[in-house]
Amino acid sequence: MTQIYNDGTYHENNPTWHEEDSPWKALQIQKIIERNSLNPSKICEIGCGAGEILNKLSEHYDNKKEFFGYEISPQAFELCAQKSKHNLTFKLANLLEDDANYFDIVMAIDVFEHVEDYFGFLRKLKTKAKYKIFHIPLDLSVQTVLRSSPIIKHRKSVGHIHYFTKETALETLKDTGYQIVDYFYTNSSVELPNRGWKANLLKIPRKLFFSVNNDLAVRILGGYSLIVLAE
């Protein structure tokens, strides 16, 4: 499955590498860092794609922190390398094979659902930093299982090969040795524009249902992800 990131297939299907969503994702990361009073000096992202999440974080924190992005796709690296600057460094390399660096925080933002051996990935990633931040799409819900087409669409278009609920995502992290520090839902389907007419149709029901019972809303209607801070 990793071949699609090296041979240009993923880039052909997703030419922007989801750069347009990066400012919103960076805000979610800032929120979980700041509400847990973390003060990291070195922050790394594995599978950094176009590098825009790190770019936005580096602008927000200015010169107070150093940022590092690792990417295995040559096409994505061409995009992110252009954003290198004094406090932001990118490498065309696999972080899990780099024993030279240790970070205060390592981030895997919408990553391990793409990885064939995600248990092995998570165990290795755990050794790379004190804290880890994950953003995990919750592809499994009543409506996606009943329709099935959204799951297959994500498999073909963005390479999701594993599918999670909040409960299975958290248990996966625990099973691979992580201690959960904090987590909350994020809702790109409501908060980001241009998600398609079906997502737009569900915006109001999702918001109303979520305000009443967030777990049940996510479990039934879907459209949410989970951001997790772990040790």
Protein backbone atom coordinates (compact mmCIF):
# COMPACT_ATOMS: atom_id res chain seq x y z
CA MET A 1 0.00 0.00 0.00
CA THR A 2 2.93 2.41 0.57
CA GLN A 3 3.66 2.31 -3.17
CA ILE A 4 0.90 4.84 -3.90
CA TYR A 5 2.83 7.50 -1.96
CA ASN A 6 6.05 6.89 -3.91
CA ASP A 7 4.83 6.29 -7.46
CA GLY A 8 2.70 9.44 -7.76
CA THR A 9 -0.70 7.75 -7.46
CA TYR A 10 -1.66 9.56 -4.27
CA HIS A 11 -0.44 12.87 -5.69
CA GLU A 12 -2.51 12.33 -8.82
CA ASN A 13 -5.65 11.74 -6.72
CA ASN A 14 -4.85 14.53 -4.22
CA PRO A 15 -2.65 17.12 -5.97
CA THR A 16 -2.83 19.67 -3.12
CA TRP A 17 -2.06 16.98 -0.53
CA HIS A 18 -4.99 18.48 1.48
CA GLU A 19 -3.05 21.68 2.05
CA GLU A 20 -6.31 23.63 2.16
CA ASP A 21 -7.30 21.87 5.40
CA SER A 22 -3.98 22.57 7.13
CA PRO A 23 -4.80 25.91 8.84
CA TRP A 24 -7.82 24.28 10.50
CA LYS A 25 -5.78 21.24 11.57
CA ALA A 26 -3.05 23.49 12.97
CA LEU A 27 -5.67 25.23 15.13
CA GLN A 28 -6.79 21.87 16.58
CA ILE A 29 -3.16 21.05 17.41
CA GLN A 30 -2.60 24.44 19.05
CA LYS A 31 -5.74 23.88 21.14
CA ILE A 32 -4.64 20.52 22.55
CA ILE A 33 -1.10 21.76 23.20
CA GLU A 34 -2.23 24.90 25.00
CA ARG A 35 -5.07 23.41 27.02
CA ASN A 36 -2.57 20.89 28.45
CA SER A 37 0.00 23.65 29.19
CA LEU A 38 2.73 22.02 27.12
CA ASN A 39 5.80 24.04 26.24
CA PRO A 40 7.74 21.97 23.69
CA SER A 41 10.95 23.15 22.06
CA LYS A 42 11.11 20.58 19.24
CA ILE A 43 7.99 19.45 17.36
CA CYS A 44 8.04 16.86 14.58
CA GLU A 45 5.39 15.63 12.14
CA ILE A 46 5.64 12.22 10.49
CA GLY A 47 3.95 12.08 7.09
CA CYS A 48 3.88 15.87 6.85
CA GLY A 49 2.56 15.97 3.26
CA ALA A 50 2.69 19.49 1.82
CA GLY A 51 4.10 20.77 5.13
CA GLU A 52 1.47 23.43 5.65
CA ILE A 53 0.43 22.28 9.14
CA LEU A 54 4.01 22.75 10.34
CA ASN A 55 4.27 26.01 8.43
CA LYS A 56 1.18 27.41 10.20
CA LEU A 57 2.42 26.21 13.60
CA SER A 58 5.84 27.76 12.99
CA GLU A 59 4.16 31.09 12.19
CA HIS A 60 2.02 30.92 15.32
CA TYR A 61 4.88 30.12 17.69
CA ASP A 62 7.43 32.22 15.76
CA ASN A 63 11.04 31.60 16.88
CA LYS A 64 10.14 29.97 20.19
CA LYS A 65 10.14 26.42 18.82
CA GLU A 66 11.81 24.29 16.16
CA PHE A 67 9.74 22.26 13.69
CA PHE A 68 10.71 19.19 11.69
CA GLY A 69 8.76 17.38 8.98
CA TYR A 70 9.42 13.87 7.67
CA GLU A 71 7.86 12.69 4.41
CA ILE A 72 8.41 9.54 2.32
CA SER A 73 6.66 10.76 -0.84
CA PRO A 74 8.95 12.55 -3.33
CA GLN A 75 5.95 14.45 -4.72
CA ALA A 76 4.89 15.73 -1.28
CA PHE A 77 8.49 16.55 -0.40
CA GLU A 78 8.70 18.84 -3.45
CA LEU A 79 5.80 20.81 -1.97
CA CYS A 80 6.96 20.98 1.63
CA ALA A 81 10.65 21.61 0.92
CA GLN A 82 9.75 25.01 -0.54
CA LYS A 83 8.53 26.08 2.93
CA SER A 84 11.82 25.43 4.73
CA LYS A 85 13.09 28.30 6.88
CA HIS A 86 15.18 28.98 9.96
CA ASN A 87 12.83 27.20 12.39
CA LEU A 88 11.30 24.68 9.95
CA THR A 89 13.21 21.74 8.42
CA PHE A 90 11.92 19.00 6.11
CA LYS A 91 13.46 15.60 5.35
CA LEU A 92 12.67 13.11 2.61
CA ALA A 93 13.01 10.20 5.01
CA ASN A 94 11.17 7.79 7.29
CA LEU A 95 11.26 9.10 10.85
CA LEU A 96 11.01 5.55 12.18
CA GLU A 97 14.39 4.78 10.60
CA ASP A 98 16.09 7.93 11.93
CA ASP A 99 17.70 7.29 15.31
CA ALA A 100 19.49 10.63 15.45
CA ASN A 101 16.64 12.77 16.77
CA TYR A 102 14.29 12.79 19.75
CA PHE A 103 11.50 15.35 20.04
CA ASP A 104 9.27 16.88 22.68
CA ILE A 105 6.20 16.20 20.52
CA VAL A 106 5.76 14.02 17.45
CA MET A 107 2.55 14.37 15.46
CA ALA A 108 0.82 11.82 13.22
CA ILE A 109 -2.00 13.78 11.64
CA ASP A 110 -4.34 11.52 9.63
CA VAL A 111 -1.56 8.98 9.16
CA PHE A 112 -1.83 5.55 10.77
CA GLU A 113 -5.12 4.65 9.07
CA HIS A 114 -2.95 4.50 5.90
CA VAL A 115 -0.30 2.18 7.35
CA GLU A 116 -0.54 -1.55 6.69
CA ASP A 117 1.17 -2.59 9.96
CA TYR A 118 -0.23 0.19 12.09
CA PHE A 119 0.49 -1.61 15.37
CA GLY A 120 4.19 -1.85 14.46
CA PHE A 121 4.13 1.78 13.30
CA LEU A 122 2.67 2.99 16.60
CA ARG A 123 5.11 1.00 18.73
CA LYS A 124 8.09 2.47 16.85
CA LEU A 125 6.66 5.99 16.89
CA LYS A 126 6.30 5.86 20.66
CA THR A 127 10.11 5.93 21.03
CA LYS A 128 10.51 9.19 19.07
CA ALA A 129 9.14 11.76 21.53
CA LYS A 130 7.83 12.32 25.04
CA TYR A 131 4.37 13.37 23.82
CA LYS A 132 2.47 12.30 20.71
CA ILE A 133 -0.43 14.02 18.99
CA PHE A 134 -2.69 11.98 16.73
CA HIS A 135 -5.52 13.12 14.49
CA ILE A 136 -7.59 10.07 13.59
CA PRO A 137 -10.54 10.01 11.15
CA LEU A 138 -13.53 8.18 12.60
CA ASP A 139 -14.70 6.56 9.39
CA LEU A 140 -17.00 4.05 11.09
CA SER A 141 -20.51 5.24 11.90
CA VAL A 142 -24.01 3.89 11.47
CA GLN A 143 -24.58 5.90 8.30
CA THR A 144 -21.23 4.98 6.68
CA VAL A 145 -21.71 1.29 7.44
CA LEU A 146 -25.27 1.34 6.08
CA ARG A 147 -24.22 3.17 2.92
CA SER A 148 -20.76 1.54 2.60
CA SER A 149 -19.86 3.84 -0.31
CA PRO A 150 -18.13 6.49 1.88
CA ILE A 151 -15.72 3.87 3.26
CA ILE A 152 -14.88 2.53 -0.19
CA LYS A 153 -14.50 6.09 -1.51
CA HIS A 154 -11.97 6.94 1.20
CA ARG A 155 -10.13 3.70 0.54
CA LYS A 156 -9.74 4.50 -3.17
CA SER A 157 -9.26 8.27 -3.06
CA VAL A 158 -7.19 8.88 0.08
CA GLY A 159 -5.83 5.43 0.94
CA HIS A 160 -7.61 4.68 4.22
CA ILE A 161 -7.17 0.95 4.82
CA HIS A 162 -8.16 0.87 8.53
CA TYR A 163 -11.37 2.30 9.98
CA PHE A 164 -12.01 3.48 13.52
CA THR A 165 -14.56 4.59 16.05
CA LYS A 166 -13.52 6.70 19.03
CA GLU A 167 -13.41 3.61 21.20
CA THR A 168 -11.32 1.45 18.85
CA ALA A 169 -8.91 4.33 18.14
CA LEU A 170 -8.24 4.89 21.85
CA GLU A 171 -7.96 1.15 22.56
CA THR A 172 -5.47 0.79 19.69
CA LEU A 173 -3.25 3.43 21.28
CA LYS A 174 -3.52 1.76 24.68
CA ASP A 175 -2.78 -1.65 23.17
CA THR A 176 0.46 -0.29 21.70
CA GLY A 177 1.68 1.15 24.99
CA TYR A 178 0.37 4.71 25.03
CA GLN A 179 -1.10 6.55 27.98
CA ILE A 180 -3.98 8.81 26.93
CA VAL A 181 -3.60 12.35 28.32
CA ASP A 182 -6.39 14.22 26.53
CA TYR A 183 -8.65 14.01 23.50
CA PHE A 184 -11.57 15.73 21.82
CA TYR A 185 -13.63 15.47 18.66
CA THR A 186 -12.93 17.64 15.61
CA ASN A 187 -15.52 18.23 12.91
CA SER A 188 -14.15 19.05 9.49
CA SER A 189 -17.46 18.15 7.84
CA VAL A 190 -19.13 21.07 9.64
CA GLU A 191 -16.30 23.56 10.07
CA LEU A 192 -14.56 23.33 6.68
CA PRO A 193 -16.12 24.54 3.40
CA ASN A 194 -16.38 22.62 0.12
CA ARG A 195 -16.92 19.17 1.63
CA GLY A 196 -19.55 18.24 -0.95
CA TRP A 197 -23.31 18.53 -1.07
CA LYS A 198 -23.94 15.45 1.08
CA ALA A 199 -21.75 16.80 3.89
CA ASN A 200 -23.46 20.20 3.56
CA LEU A 201 -26.85 18.52 3.85
CA LEU A 202 -25.79 16.92 7.14
CA LYS A 203 -24.22 20.03 8.68
CA ILE A 204 -27.27 21.17 10.64
CA PRO A 205 -28.30 17.67 11.88
CA ARG A 206 -24.70 17.01 12.94
CA LYS A 207 -24.43 20.28 14.87
CA LEU A 208 -27.79 19.86 16.59
CA PHE A 209 -27.30 16.19 17.44
CA PHE A 210 -23.74 16.84 18.67
CA SER A 211 -24.96 19.59 21.02
CA VAL A 212 -27.32 17.07 22.65
CA ASN A 213 -25.11 13.97 22.79
CA ASN A 214 -21.71 14.18 21.13
CA ASP A 215 -20.76 10.49 21.36
CA LEU A 216 -24.07 9.34 19.94
CA ALA A 217 -23.98 11.95 17.15
CA VAL A 218 -20.54 10.82 16.07
CA ARG A 219 -21.49 7.14 16.29
CA ILE A 220 -24.62 7.57 14.17
CA LEU A 221 -23.94 10.38 11.70
CA GLY A 222 -20.13 10.33 11.48
CA GLY A 223 -18.17 13.17 9.90
CA TYR A 224 -15.88 13.61 12.91
CA SER A 225 -12.26 12.88 13.76
CA LEU A 226 -10.48 12.49 17.08
CA ILE A 227 -7.45 14.46 18.20
CA VAL A 228 -5.47 12.70 20.94
CA LEU A 229 -2.56 13.70 23.16
CA ALA A 230 -0.71 10.68 24.49
CA GLU A 231 2.52 9.72 26.24
